[in-house]
Amino acid sequence: MKNIDELIKNVEKYKNALIQQNFKSKKNTVAYVVLDGKPRIVKWFAPGFKRQMETEYSTLRKGSSILNMPISYEKDSDNNVLLMNYIIGENLCDVINDGKTVFSENQRIMVLLADWFARFHRYFKTEDQFYIRGDSVLRNFILADCIWGVDFEESRAGKPVEDIAGMCSSILSTDPMCTSEKFQLCKTFITAYEDSVKWNLENINEEFAYALLETMCRRGDKLSKKEADEIVKRINL
């Protein structure tokens, strides 16, 4: 992964950017900078990820005026860069897993998160299919005065249950893992989502178990299908 300093050093239009913070990203280079006196998020896509840049740009262009999503100010196709607004807040993964956050507050956040997904799925739904955000993990959300979603490069046509299962997997698998509180939070999240939409979450247990297996495998942790099924049953859906 490239360092944001390379972009600033080698591309004229970014040479006056002042780096404020670098962010964790699995594939791309993401930083908060002050550019021409304005706070901006620079997302520099890795070579070969132009399609993902186009996906994120088109998703933001369509949804940011209605939903809590970043505004995309510019798509720099020559350099594979998106410029977006900076959202002040706390990363949701840090909030949920902070031992100082009381359970009732985490439950409130789960309801807000469910509402974000319900509005996203409702807004992007067409007559023929659903559009999902993809990569539905806690780290891709920010808590400010409301919940904000970020990072939409994996958005695609799909089933809402994939997003919901992915988020539950993220809730359970981040430290501290699989606590009784985490199971309750998953149930609160799923129930709040189901109460907000007119469609059903088909095969939620199976999708949840699959998402959990995928998450653990990606991290190098061993988990059997039977173990994943047993974990999901503890939510008592």
C-alpha atoms as a PDB file:
ATOM      1  CA  MET A   1       0.000   0.000   0.000  1.00  0.00           C
ATOM      2  CA  LYS A   2       1.305   3.427  -0.965  1.00  0.00           C
ATOM      3  CA  ASN A   3       1.963   6.239   1.475  1.00  0.00           C
ATOM      4  CA  ILE A   4      -0.128   9.401   1.068  1.00  0.00           C
ATOM      5  CA  ASP A   5       3.135  11.374   1.024  1.00  0.00           C
ATOM      6  CA  GLU A   6       3.865   9.927  -2.426  1.00  0.00           C
ATOM      7  CA  LEU A   7       0.665  11.393  -3.848  1.00  0.00           C
ATOM      8  CA  ILE A   8       1.304  14.798  -2.302  1.00  0.00           C
ATOM      9  CA  LYS A   9       4.908  14.862  -3.459  1.00  0.00           C
ATOM     10  CA  ASN A  10       4.315  13.730  -7.031  1.00  0.00           C
ATOM     11  CA  VAL A  11       0.948  15.231  -8.065  1.00  0.00           C
ATOM     12  CA  GLU A  12       0.833  18.998  -8.421  1.00  0.00           C
ATOM     13  CA  LYS A  13      -2.803  19.501  -7.411  1.00  0.00           C
ATOM     14  CA  TYR A  14      -2.158  17.900  -3.995  1.00  0.00           C
ATOM     15  CA  LYS A  15       1.186  19.518  -3.153  1.00  0.00           C
ATOM     16  CA  ASN A  16      -0.282  22.010  -0.684  1.00  0.00           C
ATOM     17  CA  ALA A  17      -2.203  19.288   1.216  1.00  0.00           C
ATOM     18  CA  LEU A  18      -1.429  19.130   4.935  1.00  0.00           C
ATOM     19  CA  ILE A  19      -1.816  15.640   6.389  1.00  0.00           C
ATOM     20  CA  GLN A  20      -3.838  15.534   9.597  1.00  0.00           C
ATOM     21  CA  GLN A  21      -4.423  11.815  10.060  1.00  0.00           C
ATOM     22  CA  ASN A  22      -3.902   8.500   8.268  1.00  0.00           C
ATOM     23  CA  PHE A  23      -6.636   5.856   8.476  1.00  0.00           C
ATOM     24  CA  LYS A  24      -6.527   2.069   8.426  1.00  0.00           C
ATOM     25  CA  SER A  25      -7.588   0.575   5.109  1.00  0.00           C
ATOM     26  CA  LYS A  26      -7.364  -2.991   3.814  1.00  0.00           C
ATOM     27  CA  LYS A  27      -6.509  -2.087   0.236  1.00  0.00           C
ATOM     28  CA  ASN A  28      -6.261   1.653  -0.332  1.00  0.00           C
ATOM     29  CA  THR A  29      -4.597   4.744   1.126  1.00  0.00           C
ATOM     30  CA  VAL A  30      -6.969   6.973   3.098  1.00  0.00           C
ATOM     31  CA  ALA A  31      -6.069  10.191   4.895  1.00  0.00           C
ATOM     32  CA  TYR A  32      -7.630  13.283   6.400  1.00  0.00           C
ATOM     33  CA  VAL A  33      -5.926  16.352   4.966  1.00  0.00           C
ATOM     34  CA  VAL A  34      -6.409  20.092   4.738  1.00  0.00           C
ATOM     35  CA  LEU A  35      -6.390  20.902   1.020  1.00  0.00           C
ATOM     36  CA  ASP A  36      -6.582  24.517  -0.143  1.00  0.00           C
ATOM     37  CA  GLY A  37      -7.645  25.418   3.386  1.00  0.00           C
ATOM     38  CA  LYS A  38     -10.534  22.910   3.428  1.00  0.00           C
ATOM     39  CA  PRO A  39     -10.828  19.649   5.410  1.00  0.00           C
ATOM     40  CA  ARG A  40     -10.976  16.705   3.029  1.00  0.00           C
ATOM     41  CA  ILE A  41     -10.731  12.925   3.000  1.00  0.00           C
ATOM     42  CA  VAL A  42      -8.363  11.695   0.300  1.00  0.00           C
ATOM     43  CA  LYS A  43      -8.978   8.104  -0.779  1.00  0.00           C
ATOM     44  CA  TRP A  44      -6.216   6.940  -3.090  1.00  0.00           C
ATOM     45  CA  PHE A  45      -7.207   3.674  -4.723  1.00  0.00           C
ATOM     46  CA  ALA A  46      -4.579   1.031  -5.368  1.00  0.00           C
ATOM     47  CA  PRO A  47      -3.697   0.145  -8.969  1.00  0.00           C
ATOM     48  CA  GLY A  48      -6.282  -2.261 -10.357  1.00  0.00           C
ATOM     49  CA  PHE A  49      -9.088  -0.872  -8.164  1.00  0.00           C
ATOM     50  CA  LYS A  50     -10.505   1.640 -10.631  1.00  0.00           C
ATOM     51  CA  ARG A  51     -13.809  -0.246 -10.803  1.00  0.00           C
ATOM     52  CA  GLN A  52     -14.136   0.003  -7.000  1.00  0.00           C
ATOM     53  CA  MET A  53     -13.472   3.739  -7.219  1.00  0.00           C
ATOM     54  CA  GLU A  54     -16.240   4.095  -9.794  1.00  0.00           C
ATOM     55  CA  THR A  55     -18.582   2.040  -7.600  1.00  0.00           C
ATOM     56  CA  GLU A  56     -17.950   4.187  -4.550  1.00  0.00           C
ATOM     57  CA  TYR A  57     -18.222   7.428  -6.507  1.00  0.00           C
ATOM     58  CA  SER A  58     -21.536   6.506  -8.132  1.00  0.00           C
ATOM     59  CA  THR A  59     -22.972   5.260  -4.817  1.00  0.00           C
ATOM     60  CA  LEU A  60     -22.028   8.481  -3.028  1.00  0.00           C
ATOM     61  CA  ARG A  61     -23.290  10.674  -5.858  1.00  0.00           C
ATOM     62  CA  LYS A  62     -26.679   9.011  -5.712  1.00  0.00           C
ATOM     63  CA  GLY A  63     -27.069   8.657  -1.960  1.00  0.00           C
ATOM     64  CA  SER A  64     -25.217  11.439  -0.159  1.00  0.00           C
ATOM     65  CA  SER A  65     -27.916  14.086  -0.646  1.00  0.00           C
ATOM     66  CA  ILE A  66     -30.488  11.884   1.104  1.00  0.00           C
ATOM     67  CA  LEU A  67     -28.582   9.475   3.360  1.00  0.00           C
ATOM     68  CA  ASN A  68     -25.847   9.887   5.964  1.00  0.00           C
ATOM     69  CA  MET A  69     -22.943   9.275   3.602  1.00  0.00           C
ATOM     70  CA  PRO A  70     -19.905  11.386   2.643  1.00  0.00           C
ATOM     71  CA  ILE A  71     -20.143  13.935  -0.148  1.00  0.00           C
ATOM     72  CA  SER A  72     -17.808  13.158  -3.024  1.00  0.00           C
ATOM     73  CA  TYR A  73     -16.384  16.491  -4.192  1.00  0.00           C
ATOM     74  CA  GLU A  74     -14.149  15.194  -6.944  1.00  0.00           C
ATOM     75  CA  LYS A  75     -13.219  12.037  -8.815  1.00  0.00           C
ATOM     76  CA  ASP A  76      -9.639  12.304 -10.029  1.00  0.00           C
ATOM     77  CA  SER A  77      -9.584   9.437 -12.529  1.00  0.00           C
ATOM     78  CA  ASP A  78      -6.033  10.188 -13.665  1.00  0.00           C
ATOM     79  CA  ASN A  79      -4.670   9.437 -10.195  1.00  0.00           C
ATOM     80  CA  ASN A  80      -7.372   7.058  -8.869  1.00  0.00           C
ATOM     81  CA  VAL A  81      -8.370   9.497  -6.122  1.00  0.00           C
ATOM     82  CA  LEU A  82     -11.688  10.446  -4.550  1.00  0.00           C
ATOM     83  CA  LEU A  83     -11.972  13.668  -2.528  1.00  0.00           C
ATOM     84  CA  MET A  84     -14.706  13.630   0.117  1.00  0.00           C
ATOM     85  CA  ASN A  85     -15.823  15.694   3.073  1.00  0.00           C
ATOM     86  CA  TYR A  86     -14.421  14.938   6.513  1.00  0.00           C
ATOM     87  CA  ILE A  87     -16.963  13.700   9.073  1.00  0.00           C
ATOM     88  CA  ILE A  88     -16.149  14.568  12.678  1.00  0.00           C
ATOM     89  CA  GLY A  89     -16.991  11.727  15.036  1.00  0.00           C
ATOM     90  CA  GLU A  90     -15.864   8.467  16.599  1.00  0.00           C
ATOM     91  CA  ASN A  91     -15.345   5.205  14.786  1.00  0.00           C
ATOM     92  CA  LEU A  92     -18.221   2.911  15.693  1.00  0.00           C
ATOM     93  CA  CYS A  93     -15.956  -0.082  16.296  1.00  0.00           C
ATOM     94  CA  ASP A  94     -14.107   1.867  18.986  1.00  0.00           C
ATOM     95  CA  VAL A  95     -17.323   3.064  20.608  1.00  0.00           C
ATOM     96  CA  ILE A  96     -19.032  -0.338  20.775  1.00  0.00           C
ATOM     97  CA  ASN A  97     -15.940  -2.076  22.111  1.00  0.00           C
ATOM     98  CA  ASP A  98     -14.969   0.591  24.629  1.00  0.00           C
ATOM     99  CA  GLY A  99     -15.546  -0.805  28.098  1.00  0.00           C
ATOM    100  CA  LYS A 100     -16.623   2.664  29.227  1.00  0.00           C
ATOM    101  CA  THR A 101     -19.644   2.684  26.890  1.00  0.00           C
ATOM    102  CA  VAL A 102     -22.660   1.572  28.919  1.00  0.00           C
ATOM    103  CA  PHE A 103     -24.871  -1.200  27.564  1.00  0.00           C
ATOM    104  CA  SER A 104     -27.932   1.019  27.171  1.00  0.00           C
ATOM    105  CA  GLU A 105     -25.934   3.381  24.964  1.00  0.00           C
ATOM    106  CA  ASN A 106     -24.739   0.504  22.796  1.00  0.00           C
ATOM    107  CA  GLN A 107     -28.338  -0.655  22.444  1.00  0.00           C
ATOM    108  CA  ARG A 108     -29.364   2.846  21.347  1.00  0.00           C
ATOM    109  CA  ILE A 109     -26.573   2.806  18.772  1.00  0.00           C
ATOM    110  CA  MET A 110     -27.775  -0.563  17.440  1.00  0.00           C
ATOM    111  CA  VAL A 111     -31.211   0.924  16.783  1.00  0.00           C
ATOM    112  CA  LEU A 112     -29.630   3.891  14.968  1.00  0.00           C
ATOM    113  CA  LEU A 113     -27.464   1.513  12.947  1.00  0.00           C
ATOM    114  CA  ALA A 114     -30.463  -0.611  11.985  1.00  0.00           C
ATOM    115  CA  ASP A 115     -32.263   2.533  10.860  1.00  0.00           C
ATOM    116  CA  TRP A 116     -29.254   3.515   8.699  1.00  0.00           C
ATOM    117  CA  PHE A 117     -29.337   0.150   6.915  1.00  0.00           C
ATOM    118  CA  ALA A 118     -33.117   0.231   6.512  1.00  0.00           C
ATOM    119  CA  ARG A 119     -32.957   3.675   4.892  1.00  0.00           C
ATOM    120  CA  PHE A 120     -30.047   2.657   2.654  1.00  0.00           C
ATOM    121  CA  HIS A 121     -31.775  -0.489   1.412  1.00  0.00           C
ATOM    122  CA  ARG A 122     -35.084   1.309   0.964  1.00  0.00           C
ATOM    123  CA  TYR A 123     -33.543   4.188  -0.971  1.00  0.00           C
ATOM    124  CA  PHE A 124     -31.441   2.099  -3.344  1.00  0.00           C
ATOM    125  CA  LYS A 125     -34.056  -0.632  -3.883  1.00  0.00           C
ATOM    126  CA  THR A 126     -35.375  -0.901  -7.442  1.00  0.00           C
ATOM    127  CA  GLU A 127     -38.385  -2.756  -8.740  1.00  0.00           C
ATOM    128  CA  ASP A 128     -36.178  -5.714  -9.625  1.00  0.00           C
ATOM    129  CA  GLN A 129     -33.502  -5.901  -6.949  1.00  0.00           C
ATOM    130  CA  PHE A 130     -31.843  -4.604  -3.808  1.00  0.00           C
ATOM    131  CA  TYR A 131     -28.539  -2.770  -3.646  1.00  0.00           C
ATOM    132  CA  ILE A 132     -26.398  -3.445  -0.564  1.00  0.00           C
ATOM    133  CA  ARG A 133     -23.548  -1.454   0.939  1.00  0.00           C
ATOM    134  CA  GLY A 134     -21.175  -4.445   1.206  1.00  0.00           C
ATOM    135  CA  ASP A 135     -18.244  -4.716   3.624  1.00  0.00           C
ATOM    136  CA  SER A 136     -20.685  -4.164   6.472  1.00  0.00           C
ATOM    137  CA  VAL A 137     -18.382  -3.871   9.459  1.00  0.00           C
ATOM    138  CA  LEU A 138     -18.371  -1.586  12.486  1.00  0.00           C
ATOM    139  CA  ARG A 139     -15.217   0.176  11.313  1.00  0.00           C
ATOM    140  CA  ASN A 140     -17.058   1.499   8.260  1.00  0.00           C
ATOM    141  CA  PHE A 141     -19.368   3.655  10.399  1.00  0.00           C
ATOM    142  CA  ILE A 142     -18.879   6.876  12.327  1.00  0.00           C
ATOM    143  CA  LEU A 143     -20.900   8.044  15.306  1.00  0.00           C
ATOM    144  CA  ALA A 144     -21.482  11.789  15.433  1.00  0.00           C
ATOM    145  CA  ASP A 145     -24.856  13.424  15.997  1.00  0.00           C
ATOM    146  CA  CYS A 146     -26.140  10.421  14.024  1.00  0.00           C
ATOM    147  CA  ILE A 147     -24.711   7.324  12.329  1.00  0.00           C
ATOM    148  CA  TRP A 148     -22.668   7.904   9.162  1.00  0.00           C
ATOM    149  CA  GLY A 149     -21.639   5.177   6.734  1.00  0.00           C
ATOM    150  CA  VAL A 150     -18.279   5.359   4.938  1.00  0.00           C
ATOM    151  CA  ASP A 151     -16.380   3.221   2.403  1.00  0.00           C
ATOM    152  CA  PHE A 152     -18.732   2.055  -0.350  1.00  0.00           C
ATOM    153  CA  GLU A 153     -16.325   0.499  -2.832  1.00  0.00           C
ATOM    154  CA  GLU A 154     -17.870  -2.956  -2.331  1.00  0.00           C
ATOM    155  CA  SER A 155     -21.486  -1.830  -2.825  1.00  0.00           C
ATOM    156  CA  ARG A 156     -23.396  -4.031  -5.244  1.00  0.00           C
ATOM    157  CA  ALA A 157     -26.668  -5.731  -6.043  1.00  0.00           C
ATOM    158  CA  GLY A 158     -27.486  -8.286  -3.370  1.00  0.00           C
ATOM    159  CA  LYS A 159     -29.773  -9.277  -0.509  1.00  0.00           C
ATOM    160  CA  PRO A 160     -30.265  -7.065   2.567  1.00  0.00           C
ATOM    161  CA  VAL A 161     -29.661 -10.077   4.800  1.00  0.00           C
ATOM    162  CA  GLU A 162     -26.038 -10.108   3.566  1.00  0.00           C
ATOM    163  CA  ASP A 163     -25.463  -6.649   5.046  1.00  0.00           C
ATOM    164  CA  ILE A 164     -27.245  -7.496   8.287  1.00  0.00           C
ATOM    165  CA  ALA A 165     -25.389 -10.790   8.717  1.00  0.00           C
ATOM    166  CA  GLY A 166     -22.073  -9.127   7.945  1.00  0.00           C
ATOM    167  CA  MET A 167     -22.655  -6.476  10.581  1.00  0.00           C
ATOM    168  CA  CYS A 168     -23.635  -9.036  13.215  1.00  0.00           C
ATOM    169  CA  SER A 169     -20.462 -10.962  12.418  1.00  0.00           C
ATOM    170  CA  SER A 170     -18.463  -7.782  12.920  1.00  0.00           C
ATOM    171  CA  ILE A 171     -20.165  -7.066  16.240  1.00  0.00           C
ATOM    172  CA  LEU A 172     -19.463 -10.557  17.572  1.00  0.00           C
ATOM    173  CA  SER A 173     -15.934 -10.980  16.240  1.00  0.00           C
ATOM    174  CA  THR A 174     -14.382  -7.700  17.416  1.00  0.00           C
ATOM    175  CA  ASP A 175     -12.753  -7.691  20.848  1.00  0.00           C
ATOM    176  CA  PRO A 176     -14.193  -8.513  23.283  1.00  0.00           C
ATOM    177  CA  MET A 177     -15.578 -11.405  21.232  1.00  0.00           C
ATOM    178  CA  CYS A 178     -18.865 -13.284  21.675  1.00  0.00           C
ATOM    179  CA  THR A 179     -19.815 -11.822  25.052  1.00  0.00           C
ATOM    180  CA  SER A 180     -23.391 -12.069  26.307  1.00  0.00           C
ATOM    181  CA  GLU A 181     -23.729  -8.328  25.684  1.00  0.00           C
ATOM    182  CA  LYS A 182     -22.614  -8.762  22.071  1.00  0.00           C
ATOM    183  CA  PHE A 183     -25.293 -11.420  21.487  1.00  0.00           C
ATOM    184  CA  GLN A 184     -27.928  -9.080  22.904  1.00  0.00           C
ATOM    185  CA  LEU A 185     -26.687  -6.238  20.709  1.00  0.00           C
ATOM    186  CA  CYS A 186     -26.992  -8.421  17.613  1.00  0.00           C
ATOM    187  CA  LYS A 187     -30.553  -9.311  18.532  1.00  0.00           C
ATOM    188  CA  THR A 188     -31.413  -5.648  19.162  1.00  0.00           C
ATOM    189  CA  PHE A 189     -29.919  -4.710  15.786  1.00  0.00           C
ATOM    190  CA  ILE A 190     -31.771  -7.427  13.842  1.00  0.00           C
ATOM    191  CA  THR A 191     -35.092  -6.792  15.585  1.00  0.00           C
ATOM    192  CA  ALA A 192     -34.873  -3.020  15.014  1.00  0.00           C
ATOM    193  CA  TYR A 193     -34.097  -3.573  11.335  1.00  0.00           C
ATOM    194  CA  GLU A 194     -36.961  -6.044  10.839  1.00  0.00           C
ATOM    195  CA  ASP A 195     -39.357  -3.605  12.533  1.00  0.00           C
ATOM    196  CA  SER A 196     -38.301  -0.887  10.064  1.00  0.00           C
ATOM    197  CA  VAL A 197     -38.732  -2.701   6.738  1.00  0.00           C
ATOM    198  CA  LYS A 198     -41.472  -4.508   4.835  1.00  0.00           C
ATOM    199  CA  TRP A 199     -39.323  -7.391   3.582  1.00  0.00           C
ATOM    200  CA  ASN A 200     -38.069 -10.457   5.434  1.00  0.00           C
ATOM    201  CA  LEU A 201     -34.498 -11.367   6.280  1.00  0.00           C
ATOM    202  CA  GLU A 202     -34.521 -14.751   4.613  1.00  0.00           C
ATOM    203  CA  ASN A 203     -32.206 -17.453   5.993  1.00  0.00           C
ATOM    204  CA  ILE A 204     -30.725 -15.030   8.531  1.00  0.00           C
ATOM    205  CA  ASN A 205     -29.183 -17.796  10.671  1.00  0.00           C
ATOM    206  CA  GLU A 206     -27.469 -19.429   7.701  1.00  0.00           C
ATOM    207  CA  GLU A 207     -26.242 -16.090   6.314  1.00  0.00           C
ATOM    208  CA  PHE A 208     -25.001 -15.054   9.759  1.00  0.00           C
ATOM    209  CA  ALA A 209     -23.068 -18.308  10.221  1.00  0.00           C
ATOM    210  CA  TYR A 210     -21.528 -17.963   6.761  1.00  0.00           C
ATOM    211  CA  ALA A 211     -20.494 -14.352   7.435  1.00  0.00           C
ATOM    212  CA  LEU A 212     -18.942 -15.386  10.755  1.00  0.00           C
ATOM    213  CA  LEU A 213     -16.999 -18.208   9.097  1.00  0.00           C
ATOM    214  CA  GLU A 214     -15.762 -15.822   6.411  1.00  0.00           C
ATOM    215  CA  THR A 215     -14.688 -13.228   8.976  1.00  0.00           C
ATOM    216  CA  MET A 216     -12.791 -15.708  11.131  1.00  0.00           C
ATOM    217  CA  CYS A 217     -11.133 -17.340   8.117  1.00  0.00           C
ATOM    218  CA  ARG A 218      -9.968 -13.958   6.847  1.00  0.00           C
ATOM    219  CA  ARG A 219      -8.356 -13.306  10.228  1.00  0.00           C
ATOM    220  CA  GLY A 220      -6.670 -16.701  10.249  1.00  0.00           C
ATOM    221  CA  ASP A 221      -8.812 -18.070  13.098  1.00  0.00           C
ATOM    222  CA  LYS A 222     -10.188 -21.605  12.896  1.00  0.00           C
ATOM    223  CA  LEU A 223     -13.953 -22.041  13.171  1.00  0.00           C
ATOM    224  CA  SER A 224     -16.020 -24.974  11.928  1.00  0.00           C
ATOM    225  CA  LYS A 225     -19.468 -24.662  10.371  1.00  0.00           C
ATOM    226  CA  LYS A 226     -20.907 -26.505  13.372  1.00  0.00           C
ATOM    227  CA  GLU A 227     -19.267 -24.042  15.774  1.00  0.00           C
ATOM    228  CA  ALA A 228     -20.546 -21.088  13.753  1.00  0.00           C
ATOM    229  CA  ASP A 229     -24.086 -22.508  13.802  1.00  0.00           C
ATOM    230  CA  GLU A 230     -23.903 -22.946  17.583  1.00  0.00           C
ATOM    231  CA  ILE A 231     -22.742 -19.359  18.054  1.00  0.00           C
ATOM    232  CA  VAL A 232     -25.590 -18.017  15.930  1.00  0.00           C
ATOM    233  CA  LYS A 233     -28.160 -20.065  17.877  1.00  0.00           C
ATOM    234  CA  ARG A 234     -27.182 -18.185  21.047  1.00  0.00           C
ATOM    235  CA  ILE A 235     -28.833 -15.048  19.684  1.00  0.00           C
ATOM    236  CA  ASN A 236     -32.136 -16.941  19.861  1.00  0.00           C
ATOM    237  CA  LEU A 237     -33.701 -15.369  16.772  1.00  0.00           C
END
